[in-house]
């Protein structure tokens, strides 16, 4: 039976950080992960409007005001 990868939405300004997370997750042999990188919260919301099936939301180090909290509450409000 084929298992679906766990889709991780990673929101951060730096794509290199997404690559680093992807390499860390690749070490787990019992699970497969697909890291979807979005550069900003707004881009993440646009992505989710098209592809709402995400298993984990992860936010990087960026912090423009309450950007992380605002985007998180909007993501959680999206009907999936």
PDB file of N, CA and C in Angstrom:
ATOM      1  N   UNK A   1       0.830  -1.174   0.000  1.00  0.00           N
ATOM      2  CA  UNK A   1       0.000   0.000   0.000  1.00  0.00           C
ATOM      3  C   UNK A   1       0.887   1.255   0.000  1.00  0.00           C
ATOM      4  N   UNK A   2       0.645   2.136  -0.932  1.00  0.00           N
ATOM      5  CA  UNK A   2       1.447   3.354  -1.047  1.00  0.00           C
ATOM      6  C   UNK A   2       0.933   4.413  -0.072  1.00  0.00           C
ATOM      7  N   UNK A   3       1.860   4.991   0.658  1.00  0.00           N
ATOM      8  CA  UNK A   3       1.473   6.043   1.590  1.00  0.00           C
ATOM      9  C   UNK A   3       1.745   7.404   0.955  1.00  0.00           C
ATOM     10  N   UNK A   4       0.873   8.341   1.259  1.00  0.00           N
ATOM     11  CA  UNK A   4       1.052   9.694   0.751  1.00  0.00           C
ATOM     12  C   UNK A   4       2.076  10.418   1.605  1.00  0.00           C
ATOM     13  N   UNK A   5       2.848  11.291   0.978  1.00  0.00           N
ATOM     14  CA  UNK A   5       3.790  12.066   1.780  1.00  0.00           C
ATOM     15  C   UNK A   5       3.050  13.076   2.657  1.00  0.00           C
ATOM     16  N   UNK A   6       3.657  13.418   3.753  1.00  0.00           N
ATOM     17  CA  UNK A   6       3.120  14.443   4.638  1.00  0.00           C
ATOM     18  C   UNK A   6       3.496  15.784   4.028  1.00  0.00           C
ATOM     19  N   UNK A   7       2.491  16.588   3.721  1.00  0.00           N
ATOM     20  CA  UNK A   7       2.741  17.869   3.063  1.00  0.00           C
ATOM     21  C   UNK A   7       2.930  18.950   4.130  1.00  0.00           C
ATOM     22  N   UNK A   8       4.095  19.586   4.086  1.00  0.00           N
ATOM     23  CA  UNK A   8       4.460  20.630   5.041  1.00  0.00           C
ATOM     24  C   UNK A   8       4.495  21.966   4.304  1.00  0.00           C
ATOM     25  N   UNK A   9       3.674  22.899   4.738  1.00  0.00           N
ATOM     26  CA  UNK A   9       3.720  24.243   4.193  1.00  0.00           C
ATOM     27  C   UNK A   9       4.682  25.054   5.044  1.00  0.00           C
ATOM     28  N   UNK A  10       5.772  25.488   4.430  1.00  0.00           N
ATOM     29  CA  UNK A  10       6.807  26.238   5.155  1.00  0.00           C
ATOM     30  C   UNK A  10       6.829  27.668   4.643  1.00  0.00           C
ATOM     31  N   UNK A  11       6.547  28.616   5.530  1.00  0.00           N
ATOM     32  CA  UNK A  11       6.491  30.031   5.171  1.00  0.00           C
ATOM     33  C   UNK A  11       7.704  30.731   5.770  1.00  0.00           C
ATOM     34  N   UNK A  12       8.557  31.243   4.894  1.00  0.00           N
ATOM     35  CA  UNK A  12       9.778  31.910   5.332  1.00  0.00           C
ATOM     36  C   UNK A  12      10.338  32.685   4.155  1.00  0.00           C
ATOM     37  N   UNK A  13      11.031  33.757   4.436  1.00  0.00           N
ATOM     38  CA  UNK A  13      11.624  34.554   3.367  1.00  0.00           C
ATOM     39  C   UNK A  13      12.734  33.803   2.626  1.00  0.00           C
ATOM     40  N   UNK A  14      13.415  32.892   3.310  1.00  0.00           N
ATOM     41  CA  UNK A  14      14.585  32.240   2.738  1.00  0.00           C
ATOM     42  C   UNK A  14      14.279  30.831   2.236  1.00  0.00           C
ATOM     43  N   UNK A  15      14.409  30.630   0.948  1.00  0.00           N
ATOM     44  CA  UNK A  15      14.184  29.304   0.376  1.00  0.00           C
ATOM     45  C   UNK A  15      15.227  28.311   0.872  1.00  0.00           C
ATOM     46  N   UNK A  16      16.437  28.791   1.173  1.00  0.00           N
ATOM     47  CA  UNK A  16      17.492  27.896   1.648  1.00  0.00           C
ATOM     48  C   UNK A  16      17.093  27.223   2.964  1.00  0.00           C
ATOM     49  N   UNK A  17      16.314  27.915   3.802  1.00  0.00           N
ATOM     50  CA  UNK A  17      15.831  27.301   5.037  1.00  0.00           C
ATOM     51  C   UNK A  17      14.860  26.162   4.743  1.00  0.00           C
ATOM     52  N   UNK A  18      14.058  26.319   3.712  1.00  0.00           N
ATOM     53  CA  UNK A  18      13.139  25.254   3.310  1.00  0.00           C
ATOM     54  C   UNK A  18      13.923  24.037   2.840  1.00  0.00           C
ATOM     55  N   UNK A  19      14.997  24.281   2.115  1.00  0.00           N
ATOM     56  CA  UNK A  19      15.857  23.177   1.672  1.00  0.00           C
ATOM     57  C   UNK A  19      16.475  22.456   2.869  1.00  0.00           C
ATOM     58  N   UNK A  20      16.868  23.222   3.874  1.00  0.00           N
ATOM     59  CA  UNK A  20      17.452  22.635   5.085  1.00  0.00           C
ATOM     60  C   UNK A  20      16.420  21.768   5.817  1.00  0.00           C
ATOM     61  N   UNK A  21      15.218  22.257   5.951  1.00  0.00           N
ATOM     62  CA  UNK A  21      14.150  21.476   6.593  1.00  0.00           C
ATOM     63  C   UNK A  21      13.884  20.201   5.797  1.00  0.00           C
ATOM     64  N   UNK A  22      13.855  20.332   4.495  1.00  0.00           N
ATOM     65  CA  UNK A  22      13.633  19.162   3.642  1.00  0.00           C
ATOM     66  C   UNK A  22      14.714  18.111   3.864  1.00  0.00           C
ATOM     67  N   UNK A  23      15.967  18.538   3.998  1.00  0.00           N
ATOM     68  CA  UNK A  23      17.051  17.573   4.221  1.00  0.00           C
ATOM     69  C   UNK A  23      16.949  16.930   5.602  1.00  0.00           C
ATOM     70  N   UNK A  24      16.522  17.687   6.611  1.00  0.00           N
ATOM     71  CA  UNK A  24      16.310  17.101   7.944  1.00  0.00           C
ATOM     72  C   UNK A  24      15.193  16.061   7.909  1.00  0.00           C
ATOM     73  N   UNK A  25      14.099  16.389   7.252  1.00  0.00           N
ATOM     74  CA  UNK A  25      12.956  15.471   7.205  1.00  0.00           C
ATOM     75  C   UNK A  25      13.264  14.220   6.386  1.00  0.00           C
ATOM     76  N   UNK A  26      14.174  14.315   5.446  1.00  0.00           N
ATOM     77  CA  UNK A  26      14.537  13.164   4.624  1.00  0.00           C
ATOM     78  C   UNK A  26      15.190  12.060   5.448  1.00  0.00           C
ATOM     79  N   UNK A  27      15.678  12.403   6.632  1.00  0.00           N
ATOM     80  CA  UNK A  27      16.326  11.410   7.496  1.00  0.00           C
ATOM     81  C   UNK A  27      15.336  10.446   8.139  1.00  0.00           C
ATOM     82  N   UNK A  28      14.042  10.804   8.156  1.00  0.00           N
ATOM     83  CA  UNK A  28      13.028   9.915   8.733  1.00  0.00           C
ATOM     84  C   UNK A  28      12.636   8.874   7.703  1.00  0.00           C
ATOM     85  N   UNK A  29      13.106   7.669   7.909  1.00  0.00           N
ATOM     86  CA  UNK A  29      12.870   6.605   6.938  1.00  0.00           C
ATOM     87  C   UNK A  29      11.442   6.073   6.975  1.00  0.00           C
ATOM     88  N   UNK A  30      10.751   6.280   8.092  1.00  0.00           N
ATOM     89  CA  UNK A  30       9.404   5.725   8.226  1.00  0.00           C
ATOM     90  C   UNK A  30       8.329   6.627   7.625  1.00  0.00           C
ATOM     91  N   UNK A  31       8.691   7.807   7.151  1.00  0.00           N
ATOM     92  CA  UNK A  31       7.708   8.725   6.585  1.00  0.00           C
ATOM     93  C   UNK A  31       8.321   9.504   5.432  1.00  0.00           C
ATOM     94  N   UNK A  32       7.465   9.926   4.542  1.00  0.00           N
ATOM     95  CA  UNK A  32       7.897  10.776   3.439  1.00  0.00           C
ATOM     96  C   UNK A  32       7.279  12.146   3.637  1.00  0.00           C
ATOM     97  N   UNK A  33       8.035  13.173   3.300  1.00  0.00           N
ATOM     98  CA  UNK A  33       7.570  14.536   3.468  1.00  0.00           C
ATOM     99  C   UNK A  33       7.696  15.289   2.151  1.00  0.00           C
ATOM    100  N   UNK A  34       6.782  16.182   1.933  1.00  0.00           N
ATOM    101  CA  UNK A  34       6.847  17.109   0.808  1.00  0.00           C
ATOM    102  C   UNK A  34       6.804  18.511   1.397  1.00  0.00           C
ATOM    103  N   UNK A  35       7.892  19.239   1.279  1.00  0.00           N
ATOM    104  CA  UNK A  35       7.954  20.596   1.817  1.00  0.00           C
ATOM    105  C   UNK A  35       7.584  21.568   0.699  1.00  0.00           C
ATOM    106  N   UNK A  36       6.543  22.339   0.950  1.00  0.00           N
ATOM    107  CA  UNK A  36       6.101  23.362   0.015  1.00  0.00           C
ATOM    108  C   UNK A  36       6.507  24.709   0.601  1.00  0.00           C
ATOM    109  N   UNK A  37       7.414  25.396  -0.082  1.00  0.00           N
ATOM    110  CA  UNK A  37       7.920  26.672   0.421  1.00  0.00           C
ATOM    111  C   UNK A  37       7.144  27.829  -0.183  1.00  0.00           C
ATOM    112  N   UNK A  38       6.759  28.753   0.678  1.00  0.00           N
ATOM    113  CA  UNK A  38       6.163  30.011   0.240  1.00  0.00           C
ATOM    114  C   UNK A  38       6.923  31.136   0.921  1.00  0.00           C
ATOM    115  N   UNK A  39       7.236  32.172   0.185  1.00  0.00           N
ATOM    116  CA  UNK A  39       8.104  33.239   0.670  1.00  0.00           C
ATOM    117  C   UNK A  39       7.425  34.173   1.665  1.00  0.00           C
ATOM    118  N   UNK A  40       6.100  34.256   1.643  1.00  0.00           N
ATOM    119  CA  UNK A  40       5.399  35.172   2.538  1.00  0.00           C
ATOM    120  C   UNK A  40       4.051  34.576   2.921  1.00  0.00           C
ATOM    121  N   UNK A  41       3.479  35.153   3.938  1.00  0.00           N
ATOM    122  CA  UNK A  41       2.154  34.709   4.362  1.00  0.00           C
ATOM    123  C   UNK A  41       1.113  34.917   3.285  1.00  0.00           C
ATOM    124  N   UNK A  42       1.217  36.020   2.588  1.00  0.00           N
ATOM    125  CA  UNK A  42       0.265  36.290   1.510  1.00  0.00           C
ATOM    126  C   UNK A  42       0.383  35.246   0.399  1.00  0.00           C
ATOM    127  N   UNK A  43       1.607  34.894   0.048  1.00  0.00           N
ATOM    128  CA  UNK A  43       1.803  33.858  -0.980  1.00  0.00           C
ATOM    129  C   UNK A  43       1.303  32.501  -0.486  1.00  0.00           C
ATOM    130  N   UNK A  44       1.459  32.234   0.801  1.00  0.00           N
ATOM    131  CA  UNK A  44       0.952  30.988   1.377  1.00  0.00           C
ATOM    132  C   UNK A  44      -0.567  30.929   1.262  1.00  0.00           C
ATOM    133  N   UNK A  45      -1.229  32.044   1.526  1.00  0.00           N
ATOM    134  CA  UNK A  45      -2.687  32.080   1.399  1.00  0.00           C
ATOM    135  C   UNK A  45      -3.119  31.882  -0.050  1.00  0.00           C
ATOM    136  N   UNK A  46      -2.383  32.475  -0.983  1.00  0.00           N
ATOM    137  CA  UNK A  46      -2.690  32.271  -2.399  1.00  0.00           C
ATOM    138  C   UNK A  46      -2.518  30.801  -2.775  1.00  0.00           C
ATOM    139  N   UNK A  47      -1.446  30.190  -2.288  1.00  0.00           N
ATOM    140  CA  UNK A  47      -1.200  28.774  -2.559  1.00  0.00           C
ATOM    141  C   UNK A  47      -2.334  27.921  -2.006  1.00  0.00           C
ATOM    142  N   UNK A  48      -2.730  28.196  -0.770  1.00  0.00           N
ATOM    143  CA  UNK A  48      -3.776  27.405  -0.128  1.00  0.00           C
ATOM    144  C   UNK A  48      -5.131  27.570  -0.807  1.00  0.00           C
ATOM    145  N   UNK A  49      -5.349  28.687  -1.428  1.00  0.00           N
ATOM    146  CA  UNK A  49      -6.595  28.870  -2.174  1.00  0.00           C
ATOM    147  C   UNK A  49      -6.666  27.909  -3.356  1.00  0.00           C
ATOM    148  N   UNK A  50      -5.484  27.527  -3.887  1.00  0.00           N
ATOM    149  CA  UNK A  50      -5.410  26.602  -5.016  1.00  0.00           C
ATOM    150  C   UNK A  50      -5.194  25.150  -4.582  1.00  0.00           C
ATOM    151  N   UNK A  51      -4.391  24.946  -3.536  1.00  0.00           N
ATOM    152  CA  UNK A  51      -4.010  23.619  -3.050  1.00  0.00           C
ATOM    153  C   UNK A  51      -4.222  23.548  -1.536  1.00  0.00           C
ATOM    154  N   UNK A  52      -5.442  23.367  -1.079  1.00  0.00           N
ATOM    155  CA  UNK A  52      -5.699  23.469   0.365  1.00  0.00           C
ATOM    156  C   UNK A  52      -5.270  22.266   1.206  1.00  0.00           C
ATOM    157  N   UNK A  53      -4.789  21.215   0.593  1.00  0.00           N
ATOM    158  CA  UNK A  53      -4.456  20.020   1.357  1.00  0.00           C
ATOM    159  C   UNK A  53      -3.024  20.080   1.881  1.00  0.00           C
ATOM    160  N   UNK A  54      -2.904  20.545   3.107  1.00  0.00           N
ATOM    161  CA  UNK A  54      -1.614  20.644   3.783  1.00  0.00           C
ATOM    162  C   UNK A  54      -1.763  19.983   5.146  1.00  0.00           C
ATOM    163  N   UNK A  55      -0.783  19.193   5.533  1.00  0.00           N
ATOM    164  CA  UNK A  55      -0.852  18.490   6.809  1.00  0.00           C
ATOM    165  C   UNK A  55      -0.270  19.296   7.965  1.00  0.00           C
ATOM    166  N   UNK A  56       0.790  20.066   7.675  1.00  0.00           N
ATOM    167  CA  UNK A  56       1.483  20.817   8.720  1.00  0.00           C
ATOM    168  C   UNK A  56       1.804  22.208   8.201  1.00  0.00           C
ATOM    169  N   UNK A  57       1.544  23.224   9.016  1.00  0.00           N
ATOM    170  CA  UNK A  57       1.948  24.595   8.712  1.00  0.00           C
ATOM    171  C   UNK A  57       3.154  24.929   9.573  1.00  0.00           C
ATOM    172  N   UNK A  58       4.182  25.471   8.947  1.00  0.00           N
ATOM    173  CA  UNK A  58       5.399  25.817   9.679  1.00  0.00           C
ATOM    174  C   UNK A  58       5.844  27.207   9.247  1.00  0.00           C
ATOM    175  N   UNK A  59       6.167  28.021  10.226  1.00  0.00           N
ATOM    176  CA  UNK A  59       6.556  29.399   9.947  1.00  0.00           C
ATOM    177  C   UNK A  59       8.006  29.602  10.342  1.00  0.00           C
ATOM    178  N   UNK A  60       8.724  30.315   9.489  1.00  0.00           N
ATOM    179  CA  UNK A  60      10.141  30.554   9.742  1.00  0.00           C
ATOM    180  C   UNK A  60      10.372  31.712  10.677  1.00  0.00           C
ATOM    181  N   UNK A  61      11.543  32.272  10.567  1.00  0.00           N
ATOM    182  CA  UNK A  61      11.992  33.298  11.500  1.00  0.00           C
ATOM    183  C   UNK A  61      11.440  34.682  11.221  1.00  0.00           C
ATOM    184  N   UNK A  62      10.866  34.888  10.061  1.00  0.00           N
ATOM    185  CA  UNK A  62      10.435  36.240   9.730  1.00  0.00           C
ATOM    186  C   UNK A  62       9.397  36.729  10.726  1.00  0.00           C
ATOM    187  N   UNK A  63       9.366  38.020  10.927  1.00  0.00           N
ATOM    188  CA  UNK A  63       8.417  38.568  11.888  1.00  0.00           C
ATOM    189  C   UNK A  63       8.147  40.024  11.562  1.00  0.00           C
ATOM    190  N   UNK A  64       7.214  40.253  10.693  1.00  0.00           N
ATOM    191  CA  UNK A  64       6.810  41.612  10.358  1.00  0.00           C
ATOM    192  C   UNK A  64       5.543  41.930  11.146  1.00  0.00           C
ATOM    193  N   UNK A  65       5.708  42.534  12.286  1.00  0.00           N
ATOM    194  CA  UNK A  65       4.552  42.802  13.144  1.00  0.00           C
ATOM    195  C   UNK A  65       3.978  41.499  13.656  1.00  0.00           C
ATOM    196  N   UNK A  66       2.695  41.323  13.487  1.00  0.00           N
ATOM    197  CA  UNK A  66       2.025  40.086  13.893  1.00  0.00           C
ATOM    198  C   UNK A  66       1.736  39.205  12.683  1.00  0.00           C
ATOM    199  N   UNK A  67       2.592  39.275  11.690  1.00  0.00           N
ATOM    200  CA  UNK A  67       2.392  38.549  10.438  1.00  0.00           C
ATOM    201  C   UNK A  67       2.128  37.063  10.665  1.00  0.00           C
ATOM    202  N   UNK A  68       2.939  36.415  11.468  1.00  0.00           N
ATOM    203  CA  UNK A  68       2.772  34.971  11.674  1.00  0.00           C
ATOM    204  C   UNK A  68       1.412  34.657  12.281  1.00  0.00           C
ATOM    205  N   UNK A  69       1.024  35.384  13.298  1.00  0.00           N
ATOM    206  CA  UNK A  69      -0.264  35.122  13.948  1.00  0.00           C
ATOM    207  C   UNK A  69      -1.420  35.410  12.995  1.00  0.00           C
ATOM    208  N   UNK A  70      -1.341  36.520  12.291  1.00  0.00           N
ATOM    209  CA  UNK A  70      -2.419  36.894  11.364  1.00  0.00           C
ATOM    210  C   UNK A  70      -2.582  35.854  10.265  1.00  0.00           C
ATOM    211  N   UNK A  71      -1.475  35.436   9.678  1.00  0.00           N
ATOM    212  CA  UNK A  71      -1.544  34.443   8.605  1.00  0.00           C
ATOM    213  C   UNK A  71      -2.032  33.106   9.159  1.00  0.00           C
ATOM    214  N   UNK A  72      -1.537  32.735  10.333  1.00  0.00           N
ATOM    215  CA  UNK A  72      -1.973  31.471  10.935  1.00  0.00           C
ATOM    216  C   UNK A  72      -3.484  31.456  11.135  1.00  0.00           C
ATOM    217  N   UNK A  73      -4.041  32.517  11.669  1.00  0.00           N
ATOM    218  CA  UNK A  73      -5.487  32.542  11.914  1.00  0.00           C
ATOM    219  C   UNK A  73      -6.256  32.509  10.598  1.00  0.00           C
ATOM    220  N   UNK A  74      -5.720  33.136   9.549  1.00  0.00           N
ATOM    221  CA  UNK A  74      -6.383  33.077   8.258  1.00  0.00           C
ATOM    222  C   UNK A  74      -6.290  31.676   7.663  1.00  0.00           C
ATOM    223  N   UNK A  75      -5.138  31.026   7.795  1.00  0.00           N
ATOM    224  CA  UNK A  75      -4.979  29.664   7.286  1.00  0.00           C
ATOM    225  C   UNK A  75      -5.928  28.725   8.000  1.00  0.00           C
ATOM    226  N   UNK A  76      -5.991  28.840   9.321  1.00  0.00           N
ATOM    227  CA  UNK A  76      -6.869  27.962  10.089  1.00  0.00           C
ATOM    228  C   UNK A  76      -8.340  28.164   9.729  1.00  0.00           C
ATOM    229  N   UNK A  77      -8.682  29.350   9.229  1.00  0.00           N
ATOM    230  CA  UNK A  77     -10.060  29.637   8.857  1.00  0.00           C
ATOM    231  C   UNK A  77     -10.453  29.142   7.486  1.00  0.00           C
ATOM    232  N   UNK A  78      -9.492  28.679   6.694  1.00  0.00           N
ATOM    233  CA  UNK A  78      -9.781  28.185   5.358  1.00  0.00           C
ATOM    234  C   UNK A  78     -10.477  26.829   5.451  1.00  0.00           C
ATOM    235  N   UNK A  79     -11.569  26.691   4.744  1.00  0.00           N
ATOM    236  CA  UNK A  79     -12.287  25.425   4.728  1.00  0.00           C
ATOM    237  C   UNK A  79     -11.545  24.434   3.849  1.00  0.00           C
ATOM    238  N   UNK A  80     -11.234  23.259   4.417  1.00  0.00           N
ATOM    239  CA  UNK A  80     -10.563  22.206   3.640  1.00  0.00           C
ATOM    240  C   UNK A  80     -11.382  20.942   3.676  1.00  0.00           C
TER     241      UNK A  80
END
